[in-house]
Amino acid sequence: MDILAQLITSFFATAAFGVIFNIPKESLIRCGLIGMGGWLIYYILNGYFGNAVLATLLATVFIAVLGQQMAKVYKTPVIIFTVAGIIPLVPGGLAYDSMRNIVENDYNMAIASAAKVLMLAGTIAFGLVFSEVINQIIKKVTAYRGKG
């Protein structure tokens, strides 16, 4: 039952951000599904391995690769799918905790949580760049198959 709640809330979080981001109405459900899929990967991998950085990386790569493929199919900008899709992965709550710990003069916890925020944010950025490499490989493989 917990995983169903995770799926529903991640879908609506992604779609709601899509509304704020002015995504075309026909793409909202697709964006919600991409964000939901990315969050499902994160949730399962983080629960299984206990490593939020690895889970975030793999979920981000999934979101970006799928977003680029969907952008080709539906002839829309890639940013529509990738920006909305990574919203559930953004460590906003952890960033809030870091700031709260600073205000409460708990600097050890603030530094620890801020370091984790930076690692997760860097992982999201790296995953987006790495997915571009994967898409270039996919493009070359498909072009090579077309010639043979």
N, C-alpha and C. Protein backbone atom coordinates (compact mmCIF):
# COMPACT_ATOMS: atom_id res chain seq x y z
N MET A 1 0.82 -1.20 0.00
CA MET A 1 0.00 0.00 0.00
C MET A 1 0.86 1.27 0.00
N ASP A 2 2.03 1.15 0.66
CA ASP A 2 2.92 2.31 0.73
C ASP A 2 3.42 2.71 -0.66
N ILE A 3 3.74 1.72 -1.48
CA ILE A 3 4.26 2.03 -2.81
C ILE A 3 3.19 2.69 -3.68
N LEU A 4 1.93 2.31 -3.49
CA LEU A 4 0.84 2.94 -4.24
C LEU A 4 0.72 4.42 -3.86
N ALA A 5 0.85 4.71 -2.58
CA ALA A 5 0.81 6.11 -2.14
C ALA A 5 1.99 6.89 -2.72
N GLN A 6 3.16 6.25 -2.77
CA GLN A 6 4.34 6.90 -3.36
C GLN A 6 4.11 7.21 -4.84
N LEU A 7 3.53 6.26 -5.56
CA LEU A 7 3.27 6.45 -6.99
C LEU A 7 2.28 7.58 -7.23
N ILE A 8 1.20 7.57 -6.48
CA ILE A 8 0.17 8.60 -6.67
C ILE A 8 0.69 9.98 -6.34
N THR A 9 1.37 10.11 -5.21
CA THR A 9 1.85 11.44 -4.82
C THR A 9 2.94 11.95 -5.76
N SER A 10 3.83 11.05 -6.23
CA SER A 10 4.87 11.51 -7.16
C SER A 10 4.26 11.91 -8.50
N PHE A 11 3.23 11.19 -8.94
CA PHE A 11 2.56 11.56 -10.18
C PHE A 11 1.95 12.96 -10.07
N PHE A 12 1.22 13.20 -8.98
CA PHE A 12 0.56 14.50 -8.82
C PHE A 12 1.57 15.63 -8.56
N ALA A 13 2.66 15.33 -7.87
CA ALA A 13 3.68 16.36 -7.65
C ALA A 13 4.30 16.79 -8.97
N THR A 14 4.59 15.81 -9.81
CA THR A 14 5.19 16.12 -11.11
C THR A 14 4.20 16.87 -12.01
N ALA A 15 2.97 16.38 -12.06
CA ALA A 15 1.96 17.04 -12.90
C ALA A 15 1.64 18.44 -12.39
N ALA A 16 1.58 18.61 -11.07
CA ALA A 16 1.29 19.93 -10.51
C ALA A 16 2.42 20.91 -10.82
N PHE A 17 3.65 20.45 -10.76
CA PHE A 17 4.74 21.33 -11.15
C PHE A 17 4.64 21.65 -12.63
N GLY A 18 4.20 20.68 -13.42
CA GLY A 18 4.00 20.93 -14.84
C GLY A 18 3.00 22.03 -15.10
N VAL A 19 1.96 22.09 -14.29
CA VAL A 19 0.97 23.17 -14.42
C VAL A 19 1.62 24.52 -14.11
N ILE A 20 2.41 24.56 -13.04
CA ILE A 20 3.09 25.80 -12.67
C ILE A 20 4.10 26.20 -13.75
N PHE A 21 4.73 25.21 -14.36
CA PHE A 21 5.76 25.42 -15.37
C PHE A 21 5.16 25.70 -16.75
N ASN A 22 3.83 25.74 -16.85
CA ASN A 22 3.10 26.00 -18.11
C ASN A 22 3.37 24.95 -19.19
N ILE A 23 3.42 23.71 -18.79
CA ILE A 23 3.57 22.62 -19.75
C ILE A 23 2.25 22.47 -20.50
N PRO A 24 2.29 22.19 -21.80
CA PRO A 24 1.04 22.00 -22.54
C PRO A 24 0.18 20.90 -21.91
N LYS A 25 -1.12 21.12 -21.93
CA LYS A 25 -2.04 20.21 -21.24
C LYS A 25 -1.92 18.78 -21.72
N GLU A 26 -1.68 18.59 -23.02
CA GLU A 26 -1.59 17.22 -23.53
C GLU A 26 -0.34 16.49 -23.04
N SER A 27 0.64 17.21 -22.48
CA SER A 27 1.87 16.59 -21.98
C SER A 27 1.86 16.37 -20.48
N LEU A 28 0.87 16.86 -19.78
CA LEU A 28 0.87 16.76 -18.32
C LEU A 28 0.86 15.32 -17.82
N ILE A 29 0.05 14.49 -18.41
CA ILE A 29 -0.02 13.10 -17.97
C ILE A 29 1.30 12.39 -18.27
N ARG A 30 1.88 12.65 -19.43
CA ARG A 30 3.16 12.05 -19.78
C ARG A 30 4.25 12.48 -18.80
N CYS A 31 4.25 13.76 -18.46
CA CYS A 31 5.24 14.26 -17.49
C CYS A 31 5.03 13.60 -16.13
N GLY A 32 3.76 13.49 -15.73
CA GLY A 32 3.45 12.84 -14.46
C GLY A 32 3.92 11.40 -14.44
N LEU A 33 3.76 10.70 -15.54
CA LEU A 33 4.20 9.30 -15.61
C LEU A 33 5.72 9.18 -15.57
N ILE A 34 6.41 10.11 -16.23
CA ILE A 34 7.88 10.08 -16.19
C ILE A 34 8.38 10.35 -14.77
N GLY A 35 7.80 11.36 -14.12
CA GLY A 35 8.19 11.65 -12.74
C GLY A 35 7.86 10.50 -11.81
N MET A 36 6.72 9.87 -12.03
CA MET A 36 6.32 8.73 -11.21
C MET A 36 7.29 7.56 -11.42
N GLY A 37 7.67 7.30 -12.67
CA GLY A 37 8.62 6.23 -12.94
C GLY A 37 9.99 6.49 -12.31
N GLY A 38 10.45 7.73 -12.42
CA GLY A 38 11.72 8.09 -11.80
C GLY A 38 11.68 7.95 -10.29
N TRP A 39 10.58 8.39 -9.69
CA TRP A 39 10.46 8.28 -8.23
C TRP A 39 10.37 6.81 -7.82
N LEU A 40 9.70 5.97 -8.61
CA LEU A 40 9.60 4.55 -8.30
C LEU A 40 10.99 3.91 -8.29
N ILE A 41 11.80 4.25 -9.29
CA ILE A 41 13.17 3.73 -9.34
C ILE A 41 13.95 4.19 -8.11
N TYR A 42 13.84 5.48 -7.79
CA TYR A 42 14.53 6.02 -6.61
C TYR A 42 14.07 5.31 -5.34
N TYR A 43 12.78 5.19 -5.17
CA TYR A 43 12.21 4.63 -3.95
C TYR A 43 12.65 3.18 -3.75
N ILE A 44 12.59 2.40 -4.81
CA ILE A 44 12.96 0.99 -4.71
C ILE A 44 14.46 0.82 -4.47
N LEU A 45 15.27 1.54 -5.24
CA LEU A 45 16.72 1.40 -5.09
C LEU A 45 17.22 1.95 -3.75
N ASN A 46 16.66 3.05 -3.31
CA ASN A 46 17.06 3.61 -2.03
C ASN A 46 16.67 2.68 -0.89
N GLY A 47 15.50 2.07 -1.00
CA GLY A 47 15.08 1.11 0.02
C GLY A 47 15.92 -0.15 0.01
N TYR A 48 16.32 -0.60 -1.19
CA TYR A 48 17.07 -1.85 -1.31
C TYR A 48 18.55 -1.67 -0.94
N PHE A 49 19.18 -0.64 -1.51
CA PHE A 49 20.61 -0.42 -1.28
C PHE A 49 20.89 0.54 -0.13
N GLY A 50 19.94 1.40 0.19
CA GLY A 50 20.17 2.40 1.23
C GLY A 50 21.12 3.49 0.80
N ASN A 51 21.27 3.70 -0.51
CA ASN A 51 22.20 4.69 -1.03
C ASN A 51 21.40 5.69 -1.88
N ALA A 52 21.12 6.85 -1.29
CA ALA A 52 20.30 7.84 -1.98
C ALA A 52 21.00 8.43 -3.20
N VAL A 53 22.32 8.50 -3.18
CA VAL A 53 23.05 9.08 -4.31
C VAL A 53 22.94 8.16 -5.53
N LEU A 54 23.17 6.88 -5.34
CA LEU A 54 23.06 5.92 -6.45
C LEU A 54 21.63 5.87 -6.96
N ALA A 55 20.67 5.86 -6.06
CA ALA A 55 19.26 5.81 -6.46
C ALA A 55 18.88 7.07 -7.24
N THR A 56 19.36 8.22 -6.80
CA THR A 56 19.07 9.47 -7.50
C THR A 56 19.71 9.48 -8.88
N LEU A 57 20.93 9.00 -8.98
CA LEU A 57 21.62 8.96 -10.28
C LEU A 57 20.85 8.09 -11.27
N LEU A 58 20.49 6.89 -10.88
CA LEU A 58 19.80 5.99 -11.80
C LEU A 58 18.41 6.51 -12.16
N ALA A 59 17.71 7.10 -11.20
CA ALA A 59 16.39 7.66 -11.48
C ALA A 59 16.51 8.85 -12.42
N THR A 60 17.51 9.69 -12.23
CA THR A 60 17.71 10.85 -13.11
C THR A 60 18.04 10.42 -14.52
N VAL A 61 18.89 9.43 -14.66
CA VAL A 61 19.24 8.93 -16.00
C VAL A 61 17.99 8.37 -16.68
N PHE A 62 17.20 7.61 -15.94
CA PHE A 62 15.95 7.08 -16.49
C PHE A 62 15.04 8.21 -16.98
N ILE A 63 14.85 9.22 -16.13
CA ILE A 63 13.97 10.35 -16.47
C ILE A 63 14.48 11.08 -17.71
N ALA A 64 15.77 11.36 -17.75
CA ALA A 64 16.31 12.14 -18.86
C ALA A 64 16.31 11.36 -20.17
N VAL A 65 16.68 10.08 -20.12
CA VAL A 65 16.68 9.28 -21.36
C VAL A 65 15.25 9.13 -21.87
N LEU A 66 14.34 8.79 -20.98
CA LEU A 66 12.94 8.65 -21.40
C LEU A 66 12.37 9.99 -21.86
N GLY A 67 12.73 11.06 -21.18
CA GLY A 67 12.26 12.39 -21.58
C GLY A 67 12.73 12.78 -22.97
N GLN A 68 13.98 12.44 -23.30
CA GLN A 68 14.48 12.76 -24.63
C GLN A 68 13.80 11.92 -25.71
N GLN A 69 13.52 10.68 -25.39
CA GLN A 69 12.81 9.84 -26.35
C GLN A 69 11.37 10.32 -26.55
N MET A 70 10.71 10.71 -25.46
CA MET A 70 9.34 11.22 -25.55
C MET A 70 9.31 12.55 -26.31
N ALA A 71 10.33 13.37 -26.13
CA ALA A 71 10.39 14.64 -26.85
C ALA A 71 10.47 14.41 -28.35
N LYS A 72 11.19 13.38 -28.77
CA LYS A 72 11.27 13.05 -30.19
C LYS A 72 9.92 12.57 -30.70
N VAL A 73 9.31 11.68 -29.95
CA VAL A 73 8.05 11.08 -30.40
C VAL A 73 6.95 12.13 -30.49
N TYR A 74 6.84 12.98 -29.47
CA TYR A 74 5.74 13.95 -29.42
C TYR A 74 6.13 15.33 -29.93
N LYS A 75 7.36 15.46 -30.45
CA LYS A 75 7.85 16.71 -31.03
C LYS A 75 7.64 17.91 -30.10
N THR A 76 8.14 17.76 -28.89
CA THR A 76 8.10 18.82 -27.89
C THR A 76 9.52 19.02 -27.35
N PRO A 77 9.78 20.13 -26.70
CA PRO A 77 11.11 20.34 -26.11
C PRO A 77 11.41 19.32 -25.00
N VAL A 78 12.64 18.90 -24.90
CA VAL A 78 13.06 17.92 -23.90
C VAL A 78 12.85 18.46 -22.49
N ILE A 79 13.05 19.74 -22.32
CA ILE A 79 12.97 20.35 -20.99
C ILE A 79 11.60 20.15 -20.34
N ILE A 80 10.57 20.01 -21.15
CA ILE A 80 9.22 19.79 -20.62
C ILE A 80 9.18 18.52 -19.79
N PHE A 81 9.81 17.47 -20.28
CA PHE A 81 9.76 16.19 -19.59
C PHE A 81 10.81 16.07 -18.49
N THR A 82 12.01 16.59 -18.75
CA THR A 82 13.08 16.38 -17.77
C THR A 82 12.92 17.26 -16.53
N VAL A 83 12.58 18.52 -16.72
CA VAL A 83 12.47 19.41 -15.56
C VAL A 83 11.32 18.97 -14.66
N ALA A 84 10.18 18.69 -15.26
CA ALA A 84 9.05 18.23 -14.44
C ALA A 84 9.34 16.88 -13.83
N GLY A 85 10.03 16.00 -14.56
CA GLY A 85 10.28 14.65 -14.07
C GLY A 85 11.22 14.58 -12.89
N ILE A 86 12.19 15.50 -12.80
CA ILE A 86 13.14 15.42 -11.69
C ILE A 86 12.65 16.11 -10.42
N ILE A 87 11.52 16.77 -10.48
CA ILE A 87 11.02 17.49 -9.30
C ILE A 87 10.89 16.60 -8.07
N PRO A 88 10.36 15.38 -8.17
CA PRO A 88 10.29 14.56 -6.95
C PRO A 88 11.66 14.20 -6.37
N LEU A 89 12.71 14.27 -7.18
CA LEU A 89 14.05 13.89 -6.71
C LEU A 89 14.80 15.04 -6.05
N VAL A 90 14.36 16.26 -6.23
CA VAL A 90 15.06 17.42 -5.70
C VAL A 90 15.02 17.39 -4.17
N PRO A 91 16.18 17.50 -3.52
CA PRO A 91 16.24 17.37 -2.06
C PRO A 91 15.85 18.65 -1.31
N GLY A 92 14.64 19.14 -1.56
CA GLY A 92 14.20 20.38 -0.93
C GLY A 92 14.02 20.27 0.57
N GLY A 93 13.46 19.17 1.02
CA GLY A 93 13.26 18.98 2.46
C GLY A 93 14.57 18.92 3.20
N LEU A 94 15.55 18.27 2.62
CA LEU A 94 16.87 18.17 3.23
C LEU A 94 17.56 19.54 3.26
N ALA A 95 17.37 20.34 2.21
CA ALA A 95 17.93 21.70 2.19
C ALA A 95 17.28 22.55 3.29
N TYR A 96 15.98 22.37 3.46
CA TYR A 96 15.28 23.08 4.55
C TYR A 96 15.85 22.68 5.90
N ASP A 97 16.07 21.38 6.09
CA ASP A 97 16.64 20.92 7.36
C ASP A 97 18.02 21.51 7.60
N SER A 98 18.81 21.65 6.55
CA SER A 98 20.13 22.25 6.69
C SER A 98 20.03 23.68 7.18
N MET A 99 19.15 24.45 6.58
CA MET A 99 18.97 25.85 7.00
C MET A 99 18.43 25.93 8.42
N ARG A 100 17.51 25.05 8.74
CA ARG A 100 16.94 25.06 10.09
C ARG A 100 18.01 24.74 11.12
N ASN A 101 18.89 23.79 10.80
CA ASN A 101 19.97 23.44 11.72
C ASN A 101 20.94 24.60 11.90
N ILE A 102 21.16 25.37 10.86
CA ILE A 102 22.03 26.55 11.00
C ILE A 102 21.39 27.57 11.94
N VAL A 103 20.09 27.80 11.76
CA VAL A 103 19.39 28.76 12.61
C VAL A 103 19.38 28.30 14.07
N GLU A 104 19.31 26.99 14.26
CA GLU A 104 19.28 26.44 15.61
C GLU A 104 20.69 26.23 16.18
N ASN A 105 21.72 26.71 15.49
CA ASN A 105 23.12 26.60 15.90
C ASN A 105 23.61 25.16 16.04
N ASP A 106 23.02 24.25 15.29
CA ASP A 106 23.49 22.86 15.26
C ASP A 106 24.31 22.69 13.99
N TYR A 107 25.54 23.19 14.04
CA TYR A 107 26.36 23.29 12.84
C TYR A 107 26.83 21.93 12.32
N ASN A 108 27.04 20.98 13.22
CA ASN A 108 27.47 19.66 12.76
C ASN A 108 26.40 19.00 11.90
N MET A 109 25.16 19.05 12.33
CA MET A 109 24.06 18.49 11.55
C MET A 109 23.84 19.31 10.27
N ALA A 110 24.01 20.62 10.37
CA ALA A 110 23.83 21.49 9.20
C ALA A 110 24.84 21.15 8.12
N ILE A 111 26.08 20.97 8.51
CA ILE A 111 27.12 20.64 7.52
C ILE A 111 26.87 19.26 6.91
N ALA A 112 26.48 18.31 7.74
CA ALA A 112 26.23 16.95 7.24
C ALA A 112 25.06 16.94 6.24
N SER A 113 23.98 17.61 6.60
CA SER A 113 22.82 17.60 5.70
C SER A 113 23.08 18.47 4.46
N ALA A 114 23.82 19.57 4.61
CA ALA A 114 24.15 20.40 3.43
C ALA A 114 25.06 19.64 2.48
N ALA A 115 25.97 18.84 3.01
CA ALA A 115 26.84 18.03 2.14
C ALA A 115 26.01 17.02 1.36
N LYS A 116 25.02 16.43 2.03
CA LYS A 116 24.16 15.47 1.33
C LYS A 116 23.33 16.16 0.25
N VAL A 117 22.85 17.37 0.55
CA VAL A 117 22.10 18.14 -0.46
C VAL A 117 22.98 18.41 -1.67
N LEU A 118 24.21 18.82 -1.44
CA LEU A 118 25.12 19.09 -2.56
C LEU A 118 25.43 17.84 -3.36
N MET A 119 25.59 16.71 -2.67
CA MET A 119 25.84 15.46 -3.40
C MET A 119 24.63 15.07 -4.24
N LEU A 120 23.44 15.19 -3.69
CA LEU A 120 22.24 14.82 -4.44
C LEU A 120 21.99 15.77 -5.61
N ALA A 121 22.19 17.07 -5.39
CA ALA A 121 22.00 18.03 -6.47
C ALA A 121 23.05 17.81 -7.57
N GLY A 122 24.27 17.53 -7.18
CA GLY A 122 25.31 17.23 -8.16
C GLY A 122 25.02 15.95 -8.92
N THR A 123 24.45 14.98 -8.22
CA THR A 123 24.08 13.72 -8.86
C THR A 123 23.00 13.94 -9.90
N ILE A 124 22.04 14.80 -9.60
CA ILE A 124 20.98 15.11 -10.57
C ILE A 124 21.59 15.76 -11.81
N ALA A 125 22.49 16.71 -11.60
CA ALA A 125 23.14 17.38 -12.74
C ALA A 125 23.97 16.39 -13.54
N PHE A 126 24.72 15.54 -12.86
CA PHE A 126 25.54 14.55 -13.55
C PHE A 126 24.67 13.56 -14.32
N GLY A 127 23.56 13.15 -13.72
CA GLY A 127 22.64 12.22 -14.39
C GLY A 127 22.06 12.80 -15.66
N LEU A 128 21.75 14.09 -15.64
CA LEU A 128 21.23 14.74 -16.85
C LEU A 128 22.27 14.79 -17.95
N VAL A 129 23.52 15.08 -17.60
CA VAL A 129 24.59 15.12 -18.59
C VAL A 129 24.90 13.71 -19.09
N PHE A 130 24.97 12.75 -18.19
CA PHE A 130 25.26 11.36 -18.56
C PHE A 130 24.18 10.79 -19.48
N SER A 131 22.95 11.19 -19.27
CA SER A 131 21.86 10.70 -20.12
C SER A 131 22.02 11.20 -21.55
N GLU A 132 22.61 12.37 -21.71
CA GLU A 132 22.86 12.89 -23.06
C GLU A 132 23.86 11.99 -23.78
N VAL A 133 24.86 11.50 -23.06
CA VAL A 133 25.82 10.57 -23.64
C VAL A 133 25.10 9.29 -24.06
N ILE A 134 24.24 8.79 -23.20
CA ILE A 134 23.49 7.57 -23.52
C ILE A 134 22.62 7.79 -24.75
N ASN A 135 21.98 8.94 -24.85
CA ASN A 135 21.15 9.21 -26.02
C ASN A 135 21.97 9.34 -27.29
N GLN A 136 23.17 9.87 -27.20
CA GLN A 136 24.04 9.93 -28.38
C GLN A 136 24.42 8.51 -28.83
N ILE A 137 24.67 7.63 -27.87
CA ILE A 137 24.99 6.24 -28.20
C ILE A 137 23.78 5.56 -28.85
N ILE A 138 22.60 5.81 -28.29
CA ILE A 138 21.37 5.24 -28.86
C ILE A 138 21.19 5.74 -30.29
N LYS A 139 21.43 7.02 -30.50
CA LYS A 139 21.28 7.61 -31.84
C LYS A 139 22.25 6.98 -32.83
N LYS A 140 23.50 6.76 -32.42
CA LYS A 140 24.49 6.17 -33.32
C LYS A 140 24.18 4.70 -33.60
N VAL A 141 23.72 3.98 -32.58
CA VAL A 141 23.38 2.58 -32.79
C VAL A 141 22.20 2.45 -33.74
N THR A 142 21.20 3.32 -33.59
CA THR A 142 20.03 3.27 -34.47
C THR A 142 20.42 3.66 -35.89
N ALA A 143 21.31 4.63 -36.03
CA ALA A 143 21.75 5.03 -37.37
C ALA A 143 22.57 3.90 -38.01
N TYR A 144 23.38 3.23 -37.21
CA TYR A 144 24.19 2.12 -37.72
C TYR A 144 23.30 0.97 -38.18
N ARG A 145 22.26 0.67 -37.41
CA ARG A 145 21.33 -0.39 -37.78
C ARG A 145 20.59 -0.04 -39.06
N GLY A 146 20.30 1.23 -39.26
CA GLY A 146 19.58 1.66 -40.45
C GLY A 146 20.39 1.47 -41.73
N LYS A 147 21.73 1.56 -41.58
CA LYS A 147 22.60 1.39 -42.76
C LYS A 147 22.74 -0.07 -43.15
N GLY A 148 22.69 -0.97 -42.15
CA GLY A 148 22.94 -2.39 -42.42
C GLY A 148 21.73 -3.09 -42.76
